[in-house]
Amino acid sequence: MAGKQINFTKKTIEALPSPTKSVRAYYHDTKETGLSISITRAGSKTFFVRKRIDGADERITLGRYPDLSIENARKLAAKTKGSIAMGKNPQAEKRAIRDEMTFGKLFELYMERYSKKYKRSWKYDEREVNKHLSHWFNRKISRITNEDVHKLHTELGETSGRYQANRILERVRAIYNKAIEWGWNGRNPALGVKKFRERSRDRFLLPEEVARFFDALAKEENVTARDFILMALLTGARKGNVLAMRWKEINMEHQIWRIPDTKNGEPHNVPLSPQAMEILHKRKKVQELTEQESQYVFPGDGVDGHLADPKKAWYRLLKVAEIENLRIHDLRRTLGSWQALQGTSTAIIGKSLGHKSQQSTAVYERLTLEPVRQSVQSATEALFMAAKKKEAEHV
């Protein structure tokens, strides 16, 4: 590559003329061997280093003048030559970055190859990543840094809460771990970012709230939402399982609801109290009379054909009952808490709620369903008795 040798200074470079006969003109620095600059007909000036690497003639672009100063161009040229001498190919690294996938493409692969196949919570991955990380979708995965992740985690902690921030951090870490597992030669940017300390939630329906809760529930006009909320309380099952409750999962004769697939990956048998059975019989009868039979106990307009999250009904209920800081998931904890109030062992409570842990699994395996049923029924009766007692006090 022909070109004139000159000492790169601000004066000499700015005085260089644009080529008229060729597409580009080239000049080589006399102070830093290997540093060159090209000038186009439009007057654009770009620093580069040209070296033979692995038998091929490579031109490594450093940056444009004056955005890249002469002094920094010389430093970068020296560093680039040093990398080449150590056996690295900066040009190949640039090509890898150029050709590598974006975060959005990686997330698509993560969903299709892993999340949808192996995670029951894949819909949450899809929803939360699209909600909080979509601004990364067009960025190359190697361009998302540890600082980016730390900044995002901090901002989410302030705007969406510590729990949400920690869950997003977990998802970023998991997505990059899969990229590395699938052959990407990079570093997980979520490494070293510490989670916020979370407070374990211990909220449940208090004795003084029970009567107001049942009174407000009786006034709820959305029958499907009302029955769902009561069923969630009476079974202690997770919200998603109750929403998707199917008739084929219920043994009306033995009064058992068999959830085929739970969060811990195993089926779970839920004993149904007389109050829960009463709800089921009523709903079955209504579906038969209206000829609107569904595979779901709580049919709705959701994507899957069953009731979606009844947030509006839940907030109406809390407002009427004058109850604060209670979530639908707290109904699950409520059943366990009222079982404890009746003197039930933690093993039976765990069995009734479908908990799984290495320490208690062996105990669970020795339990039959009958003591679990008795415990659930005892807690249920205590709840209804507490509600009636409060009502009587106000008469």
Protein backbone atom coordinates (compact mmCIF):
# COMPACT_ATOMS: atom_id res chain seq x y z
CA MET A 1 0.00 0.00 0.00
CA ALA A 2 1.76 3.10 -1.27
CA GLY A 3 1.80 6.20 0.82
CA LYS A 4 3.95 9.09 1.96
CA GLN A 5 5.88 9.04 5.23
CA ILE A 6 5.18 12.11 7.37
CA ASN A 7 5.36 13.12 11.00
CA PHE A 8 1.78 13.15 12.27
CA THR A 9 0.99 16.49 13.82
CA LYS A 10 -2.23 18.46 13.94
CA LYS A 11 -0.84 20.90 11.39
CA THR A 12 0.37 18.29 8.90
CA ILE A 13 -2.77 16.12 9.08
CA GLU A 14 -5.20 19.00 8.71
CA ALA A 15 -3.21 20.23 5.72
CA LEU A 16 -3.40 16.88 3.90
CA PRO A 17 -5.38 17.21 0.63
CA SER A 18 -8.24 14.91 -0.37
CA PRO A 19 -7.41 12.61 -3.30
CA THR A 20 -8.70 13.50 -6.76
CA LYS A 21 -7.64 10.53 -8.84
CA SER A 22 -8.03 7.66 -6.35
CA VAL A 23 -10.70 6.73 -3.81
CA ARG A 24 -8.34 7.10 -0.88
CA ALA A 25 -4.90 8.49 -0.13
CA TYR A 26 -2.63 6.97 2.52
CA TYR A 27 0.02 8.46 4.82
CA HIS A 28 2.30 6.73 7.34
CA ASP A 29 3.57 8.10 10.63
CA THR A 30 7.34 8.42 11.00
CA LYS A 31 7.11 8.46 14.81
CA GLU A 32 4.97 5.33 15.44
CA THR A 33 5.86 2.57 12.99
CA GLY A 34 2.79 0.88 11.56
CA LEU A 35 0.39 3.76 12.25
CA SER A 36 -1.26 5.07 9.09
CA ILE A 37 -4.09 7.39 8.11
CA SER A 38 -6.41 7.20 5.10
CA ILE A 39 -8.18 10.16 3.52
CA THR A 40 -11.28 9.82 1.33
CA ARG A 41 -12.41 12.16 -1.42
CA ALA A 42 -14.97 13.57 1.02
CA GLY A 43 -12.14 14.48 3.39
CA SER A 44 -12.78 11.78 6.04
CA LYS A 45 -9.55 10.83 7.85
CA THR A 46 -9.20 7.45 9.63
CA PHE A 47 -6.29 6.04 11.63
CA PHE A 48 -5.43 2.35 11.16
CA VAL A 49 -2.70 -0.25 11.64
CA ARG A 50 -1.83 -2.68 8.89
CA LYS A 51 -0.19 -5.99 9.79
CA ARG A 52 0.10 -9.49 8.43
CA ILE A 53 -1.71 -11.87 10.79
CA ASP A 54 -1.94 -15.64 10.33
CA GLY A 55 -0.84 -15.26 6.72
CA ALA A 56 -3.44 -12.65 5.85
CA ASP A 57 -3.04 -8.93 5.35
CA GLU A 58 -5.21 -7.25 7.98
CA ARG A 59 -6.10 -3.59 8.41
CA ILE A 60 -7.26 -2.76 11.93
CA THR A 61 -9.23 0.46 12.10
CA LEU A 62 -8.46 2.55 15.19
CA GLY A 63 -10.75 5.54 14.81
CA ARG A 64 -11.44 8.77 12.96
CA TYR A 65 -9.55 12.02 13.24
CA PRO A 66 -10.13 14.37 15.08
CA ASP A 67 -12.40 12.23 17.33
CA LEU A 68 -9.30 10.14 17.98
CA SER A 69 -6.35 12.40 18.69
CA ILE A 70 -2.89 11.80 17.25
CA GLU A 71 -1.47 11.03 20.69
CA ASN A 72 -4.19 8.48 21.45
CA ALA A 73 -3.91 7.00 17.97
CA ARG A 74 -0.22 6.33 18.59
CA LYS A 75 -0.97 4.73 21.96
CA LEU A 76 -3.70 2.58 20.47
CA ALA A 77 -1.45 1.56 17.58
CA ALA A 78 1.28 0.47 20.00
CA LYS A 79 -1.24 -1.49 22.06
CA THR A 80 -2.67 -3.16 18.95
CA LYS A 81 0.77 -4.19 17.72
CA GLY A 82 1.52 -5.58 21.16
CA SER A 83 -1.65 -7.68 21.07
CA ILE A 84 -0.73 -9.03 17.65
CA ALA A 85 2.77 -9.91 18.88
CA MET A 86 1.10 -11.90 21.68
CA GLY A 87 -0.82 -13.93 19.13
CA LYS A 88 -4.14 -12.08 19.30
CA ASN A 89 -6.07 -10.93 16.28
CA PRO A 90 -7.90 -7.66 17.05
CA GLN A 91 -9.61 -7.76 13.68
CA ALA A 92 -11.03 -11.21 14.35
CA GLU A 93 -12.30 -9.99 17.70
CA LYS A 94 -14.04 -7.07 15.99
CA ARG A 95 -15.60 -9.40 13.45
CA ALA A 96 -16.83 -11.65 16.27
CA ILE A 97 -18.51 -8.68 17.93
CA ARG A 98 -19.99 -7.55 14.64
CA ASP A 99 -21.29 -11.01 13.84
CA GLU A 100 -22.44 -11.97 17.35
CA MET A 101 -26.10 -11.91 18.25
CA THR A 102 -27.98 -9.14 19.95
CA PHE A 103 -29.44 -9.51 23.43
CA GLY A 104 -32.89 -9.65 21.84
CA LYS A 105 -31.86 -12.60 19.66
CA LEU A 106 -30.24 -14.35 22.62
CA PHE A 107 -33.44 -13.93 24.61
CA GLU A 108 -35.45 -15.49 21.76
CA LEU A 109 -33.11 -18.51 21.80
CA TYR A 110 -33.31 -18.68 25.60
CA MET A 111 -37.11 -18.78 25.46
CA GLU A 112 -37.35 -21.37 22.67
CA ARG A 113 -34.46 -23.65 23.62
CA TYR A 114 -34.77 -23.53 27.39
CA SER A 115 -37.46 -21.51 29.18
CA LYS A 116 -40.55 -22.75 27.33
CA LYS A 117 -39.27 -26.33 27.40
CA TYR A 118 -38.16 -26.64 30.99
CA LYS A 119 -39.70 -23.84 33.09
CA ARG A 120 -43.27 -23.61 34.31
CA SER A 121 -42.67 -19.91 34.85
CA TRP A 122 -41.67 -19.21 31.24
CA LYS A 123 -44.51 -16.73 30.81
CA TYR A 124 -43.01 -14.64 33.60
CA ASP A 125 -39.63 -14.70 31.82
CA GLU A 126 -41.31 -13.50 28.64
CA ARG A 127 -43.32 -10.78 30.35
CA GLU A 128 -40.68 -9.42 32.71
CA VAL A 129 -37.77 -9.36 30.26
CA ASN A 130 -39.88 -7.61 27.62
CA LYS A 131 -41.01 -5.13 30.24
CA HIS A 132 -37.66 -4.30 31.83
CA LEU A 133 -34.92 -5.25 29.34
CA SER A 134 -36.32 -4.36 25.91
CA HIS A 135 -33.94 -1.37 25.70
CA TRP A 136 -31.10 -3.92 25.45
CA PHE A 137 -32.60 -5.93 22.60
CA ASN A 138 -30.62 -4.24 19.80
CA ARG A 139 -27.30 -4.30 21.66
CA LYS A 140 -24.63 -6.92 21.02
CA ILE A 141 -24.41 -9.22 24.00
CA SER A 142 -20.74 -8.41 24.61
CA ARG A 143 -21.58 -4.71 24.76
CA ILE A 144 -23.74 -5.11 27.87
CA THR A 145 -21.36 -4.57 30.76
CA ASN A 146 -21.24 -5.33 34.45
CA GLU A 147 -21.78 -1.61 35.03
CA ASP A 148 -24.94 -1.72 32.87
CA VAL A 149 -26.36 -4.58 34.94
CA HIS A 150 -25.45 -2.95 38.23
CA LYS A 151 -27.08 0.32 37.13
CA LEU A 152 -30.25 -1.46 36.01
CA HIS A 153 -30.44 -3.43 39.26
CA THR A 154 -30.07 -0.26 41.33
CA GLU A 155 -32.69 1.66 39.32
CA LEU A 156 -35.21 -1.19 39.50
CA GLY A 157 -34.65 -1.46 43.23
CA GLU A 158 -35.69 2.18 43.56
CA THR A 159 -38.60 2.17 41.09
CA SER A 160 -39.99 -1.38 41.24
CA GLY A 161 -38.77 -2.66 44.58
CA ARG A 162 -35.98 -4.94 45.74
CA TYR A 163 -37.81 -8.17 44.99
CA GLN A 164 -38.47 -7.22 41.35
CA ALA A 165 -34.89 -5.99 40.90
CA ASN A 166 -33.50 -9.28 42.23
CA ARG A 167 -35.73 -11.36 39.94
CA ILE A 168 -34.58 -9.41 36.87
CA LEU A 169 -30.96 -9.83 37.96
CA GLU A 170 -31.53 -13.58 38.22
CA ARG A 171 -32.98 -13.65 34.70
CA VAL A 172 -30.05 -11.72 33.19
CA ARG A 173 -27.61 -14.08 34.91
CA ALA A 174 -29.53 -17.15 33.67
CA ILE A 175 -29.74 -15.89 30.06
CA TYR A 176 -26.00 -15.25 29.88
CA ASN A 177 -25.18 -18.56 31.56
CA LYS A 178 -27.08 -20.29 28.76
CA ALA A 179 -25.20 -18.27 26.13
CA ILE A 180 -21.90 -19.46 27.62
CA GLU A 181 -23.23 -23.03 27.81
CA TRP A 182 -24.13 -22.81 24.11
CA GLY A 183 -20.62 -21.73 23.10
CA TRP A 184 -20.43 -17.96 23.50
CA ASN A 185 -16.92 -17.03 24.59
CA GLY A 186 -17.70 -14.13 26.89
CA ARG A 187 -18.18 -13.16 30.51
CA ASN A 188 -21.53 -13.00 32.25
CA PRO A 189 -22.08 -9.28 33.02
CA ALA A 190 -24.32 -10.15 35.98
CA LEU A 191 -21.45 -11.79 37.86
CA GLY A 192 -20.50 -9.89 40.98
CA VAL A 193 -23.73 -7.88 41.14
CA LYS A 194 -25.12 -8.60 44.60
CA LYS A 195 -28.81 -9.04 45.24
CA PHE A 196 -30.65 -6.72 47.58
CA ARG A 197 -31.49 -8.21 50.95
CA GLU A 198 -35.15 -9.19 50.91
CA ARG A 199 -37.52 -9.29 53.82
CA SER A 200 -39.44 -12.54 54.04
CA ARG A 201 -43.16 -11.84 53.82
CA ASP A 202 -45.23 -13.10 56.77
CA ARG A 203 -48.60 -11.47 56.07
CA PHE A 204 -51.75 -13.54 56.52
CA LEU A 205 -55.41 -12.93 57.30
CA LEU A 206 -55.55 -11.89 60.95
CA PRO A 207 -58.34 -13.00 63.33
CA GLU A 208 -59.73 -9.46 63.55
CA GLU A 209 -59.85 -9.25 59.74
CA VAL A 210 -61.61 -12.54 59.04
CA ALA A 211 -65.22 -11.36 59.52
CA ARG A 212 -64.69 -8.25 57.38
CA PHE A 213 -63.04 -10.38 54.73
CA PHE A 214 -65.93 -12.87 54.48
CA ASP A 215 -68.51 -10.10 54.62
CA ALA A 216 -66.86 -8.23 51.75
CA LEU A 217 -66.46 -11.47 49.82
CA ALA A 218 -70.19 -12.17 50.13
CA LYS A 219 -70.90 -8.75 48.62
CA GLU A 220 -68.63 -9.26 45.59
CA GLU A 221 -70.78 -9.30 42.45
CA ASN A 222 -68.24 -11.09 40.25
CA VAL A 223 -69.22 -14.65 41.18
CA THR A 224 -66.31 -16.32 39.37
CA ALA A 225 -63.75 -14.07 41.04
CA ARG A 226 -65.49 -14.52 44.41
CA ASP A 227 -65.46 -18.32 44.14
CA PHE A 228 -61.84 -18.27 43.00
CA ILE A 229 -60.72 -16.19 45.99
CA LEU A 230 -62.55 -18.44 48.43
CA MET A 231 -61.16 -21.58 46.77
CA ALA A 232 -57.63 -20.15 47.00
CA LEU A 233 -58.15 -19.67 50.72
CA LEU A 234 -59.77 -23.06 51.34
CA THR A 235 -57.15 -25.08 49.45
CA GLY A 236 -54.00 -23.05 50.18
CA ALA A 237 -52.96 -23.76 46.59
CA ARG A 238 -50.88 -21.39 44.51
CA LYS A 239 -52.79 -18.76 42.54
CA GLY A 240 -51.76 -20.11 39.15
CA ASN A 241 -52.92 -23.62 40.04
CA VAL A 242 -56.31 -22.42 41.28
CA LEU A 243 -56.85 -20.25 38.20
CA ALA A 244 -56.13 -23.26 35.96
CA MET A 245 -58.11 -25.80 38.04
CA ARG A 246 -59.67 -28.40 35.71
CA TRP A 247 -62.70 -30.60 36.36
CA LYS A 248 -60.78 -33.70 35.30
CA GLU A 249 -58.32 -33.08 38.15
CA ILE A 250 -61.08 -33.31 40.78
CA ASN A 251 -62.27 -36.57 42.29
CA MET A 252 -65.73 -35.58 43.53
CA GLU A 253 -66.28 -38.92 45.27
CA HIS A 254 -63.07 -38.87 47.32
CA GLN A 255 -63.03 -35.07 47.57
CA ILE A 256 -59.49 -34.71 46.31
CA TRP A 257 -57.99 -32.25 43.82
CA ARG A 258 -54.90 -33.67 42.15
CA ILE A 259 -52.71 -30.92 40.74
CA PRO A 260 -50.67 -32.71 38.06
CA ASP A 261 -47.78 -30.28 37.89
CA THR A 262 -46.76 -27.86 40.63
CA LYS A 263 -43.98 -25.33 41.06
CA ASN A 264 -41.69 -27.95 42.59
CA GLY A 265 -42.19 -30.18 39.54
CA GLU A 266 -44.26 -32.86 41.24
CA PRO A 267 -48.02 -33.62 41.43
CA HIS A 268 -49.85 -32.64 44.60
CA ASN A 269 -53.04 -34.03 46.15
CA VAL A 270 -55.19 -31.39 47.84
CA PRO A 271 -57.93 -32.56 50.24
CA LEU A 272 -61.13 -30.60 49.64
CA SER A 273 -63.14 -29.38 52.61
CA PRO A 274 -66.98 -29.45 52.60
CA GLN A 275 -66.94 -25.70 51.91
CA ALA A 276 -64.68 -26.19 48.90
CA MET A 277 -66.87 -29.04 47.64
CA GLU A 278 -69.94 -26.81 47.97
CA ILE A 279 -68.33 -24.27 45.65
CA LEU A 280 -67.48 -26.97 43.12
CA HIS A 281 -70.97 -28.47 43.11
CA LYS A 282 -72.55 -25.05 42.57
CA ARG A 283 -70.19 -24.15 39.75
CA LYS A 284 -70.68 -27.50 38.05
CA LYS A 285 -74.45 -27.13 38.24
CA VAL A 286 -74.39 -23.60 36.82
CA GLN A 287 -72.21 -24.67 33.89
CA GLU A 288 -74.58 -27.55 33.12
CA LEU A 289 -77.73 -25.40 33.37
CA THR A 290 -76.33 -22.63 31.17
CA GLU A 291 -74.85 -25.15 28.72
CA GLN A 292 -71.53 -23.34 29.06
CA GLU A 293 -69.49 -26.27 30.27
CA SER A 294 -65.73 -25.73 30.30
CA GLN A 295 -62.73 -27.85 31.12
CA TYR A 296 -61.96 -25.20 33.73
CA VAL A 297 -63.66 -24.68 37.06
CA PHE A 298 -63.11 -20.93 36.63
CA PRO A 299 -63.54 -20.24 32.90
CA GLY A 300 -62.68 -16.79 31.62
CA ASP A 301 -61.48 -14.66 28.73
CA GLY A 302 -57.80 -15.28 29.40
CA VAL A 303 -55.47 -16.52 26.69
CA ASP A 304 -55.64 -20.05 28.10
CA GLY A 305 -59.44 -20.03 28.45
CA HIS A 306 -59.57 -19.69 32.22
CA LEU A 307 -59.94 -16.76 34.57
CA ALA A 308 -57.06 -14.32 34.41
CA ASP A 309 -55.66 -12.63 37.51
CA PRO A 310 -58.79 -11.00 39.11
CA LYS A 311 -56.98 -7.92 40.40
CA LYS A 312 -59.97 -5.56 40.18
CA ALA A 313 -62.19 -7.85 42.24
CA TRP A 314 -59.40 -8.37 44.76
CA TYR A 315 -58.85 -4.63 45.24
CA ARG A 316 -62.60 -4.07 45.59
CA LEU A 317 -62.70 -6.74 48.27
CA LEU A 318 -59.84 -5.20 50.25
CA LYS A 319 -61.42 -1.75 50.02
CA VAL A 320 -64.81 -2.94 51.27
CA ALA A 321 -63.19 -5.05 54.01
CA GLU A 322 -60.85 -2.20 54.99
CA ILE A 323 -57.87 -4.53 54.83
CA GLU A 324 -54.44 -3.30 53.77
CA ASN A 325 -51.29 -4.96 52.50
CA LEU A 326 -52.84 -8.34 51.71
CA ARG A 327 -52.07 -10.22 48.50
CA ILE A 328 -53.85 -13.17 46.95
CA HIS A 329 -50.76 -15.28 47.62
CA ASP A 330 -51.15 -14.42 51.32
CA LEU A 331 -54.30 -16.57 51.35
CA ARG A 332 -52.00 -19.57 50.94
CA ARG A 333 -50.04 -18.47 53.97
CA THR A 334 -53.30 -17.80 55.79
CA LEU A 335 -54.39 -21.43 55.60
CA GLY A 336 -51.01 -22.60 56.90
CA SER A 337 -51.08 -20.02 59.69
CA TRP A 338 -54.55 -21.03 60.83
CA GLN A 339 -53.48 -24.67 60.75
CA ALA A 340 -50.62 -23.71 63.06
CA LEU A 341 -53.06 -21.93 65.36
CA GLN A 342 -54.91 -25.24 65.72
CA GLY A 343 -51.70 -26.96 66.82
CA THR A 344 -50.92 -28.70 63.50
CA SER A 345 -47.34 -29.87 63.03
CA THR A 346 -45.16 -28.12 60.47
CA ALA A 347 -44.80 -31.41 58.57
CA ILE A 348 -48.55 -31.69 58.00
CA ILE A 349 -48.80 -28.00 57.10
CA GLY A 350 -46.02 -28.48 54.56
CA LYS A 351 -47.76 -31.52 53.16
CA SER A 352 -51.07 -29.69 52.78
CA LEU A 353 -49.42 -26.76 50.98
CA GLY A 354 -47.25 -28.94 48.76
CA HIS A 355 -43.95 -27.62 50.12
CA LYS A 356 -40.82 -29.52 49.24
CA SER A 357 -37.48 -29.42 51.00
CA GLN A 358 -34.65 -31.85 51.53
CA GLN A 359 -35.13 -31.74 55.29
CA SER A 360 -38.83 -32.51 55.37
CA THR A 361 -39.37 -34.70 52.30
CA ALA A 362 -38.75 -37.90 54.25
CA VAL A 363 -41.37 -36.90 56.82
CA TYR A 364 -43.90 -36.00 54.12
CA GLU A 365 -43.52 -39.41 52.49
CA ARG A 366 -44.72 -41.09 55.69
CA LEU A 367 -47.88 -39.00 55.91
CA THR A 368 -51.22 -40.16 54.58
CA LEU A 369 -53.76 -37.66 53.29
CA GLU A 370 -56.19 -38.13 56.19
CA PRO A 371 -54.36 -36.12 58.87
CA VAL A 372 -53.77 -33.45 56.25
CA ARG A 373 -57.50 -33.38 55.48
CA GLN A 374 -58.33 -33.15 59.19
CA SER A 375 -55.91 -30.28 59.64
CA VAL A 376 -57.25 -28.33 56.66
CA GLN A 377 -60.82 -28.90 57.83
CA SER A 378 -59.97 -27.81 61.37
CA ALA A 379 -58.36 -24.59 60.10
CA THR A 380 -61.27 -23.94 57.74
CA GLU A 381 -63.84 -24.36 60.53
CA ALA A 382 -61.81 -22.05 62.76
CA LEU A 383 -61.81 -19.40 60.05
CA PHE A 384 -65.59 -19.58 59.59
CA MET A 385 -66.18 -19.66 63.35
CA ALA A 386 -64.02 -16.55 63.78
CA ALA A 387 -66.02 -14.79 61.07
CA LYS A 388 -69.35 -15.70 62.71
CA LYS A 389 -68.10 -14.63 66.13
CA LYS A 390 -67.13 -11.20 64.88
CA GLU A 391 -70.48 -10.85 63.14
CA ALA A 392 -72.33 -11.74 66.34
CA GLU A 393 -70.37 -9.13 68.29
CA HIS A 394 -71.58 -6.42 65.96
CA VAL A 395 -75.24 -7.45 66.07
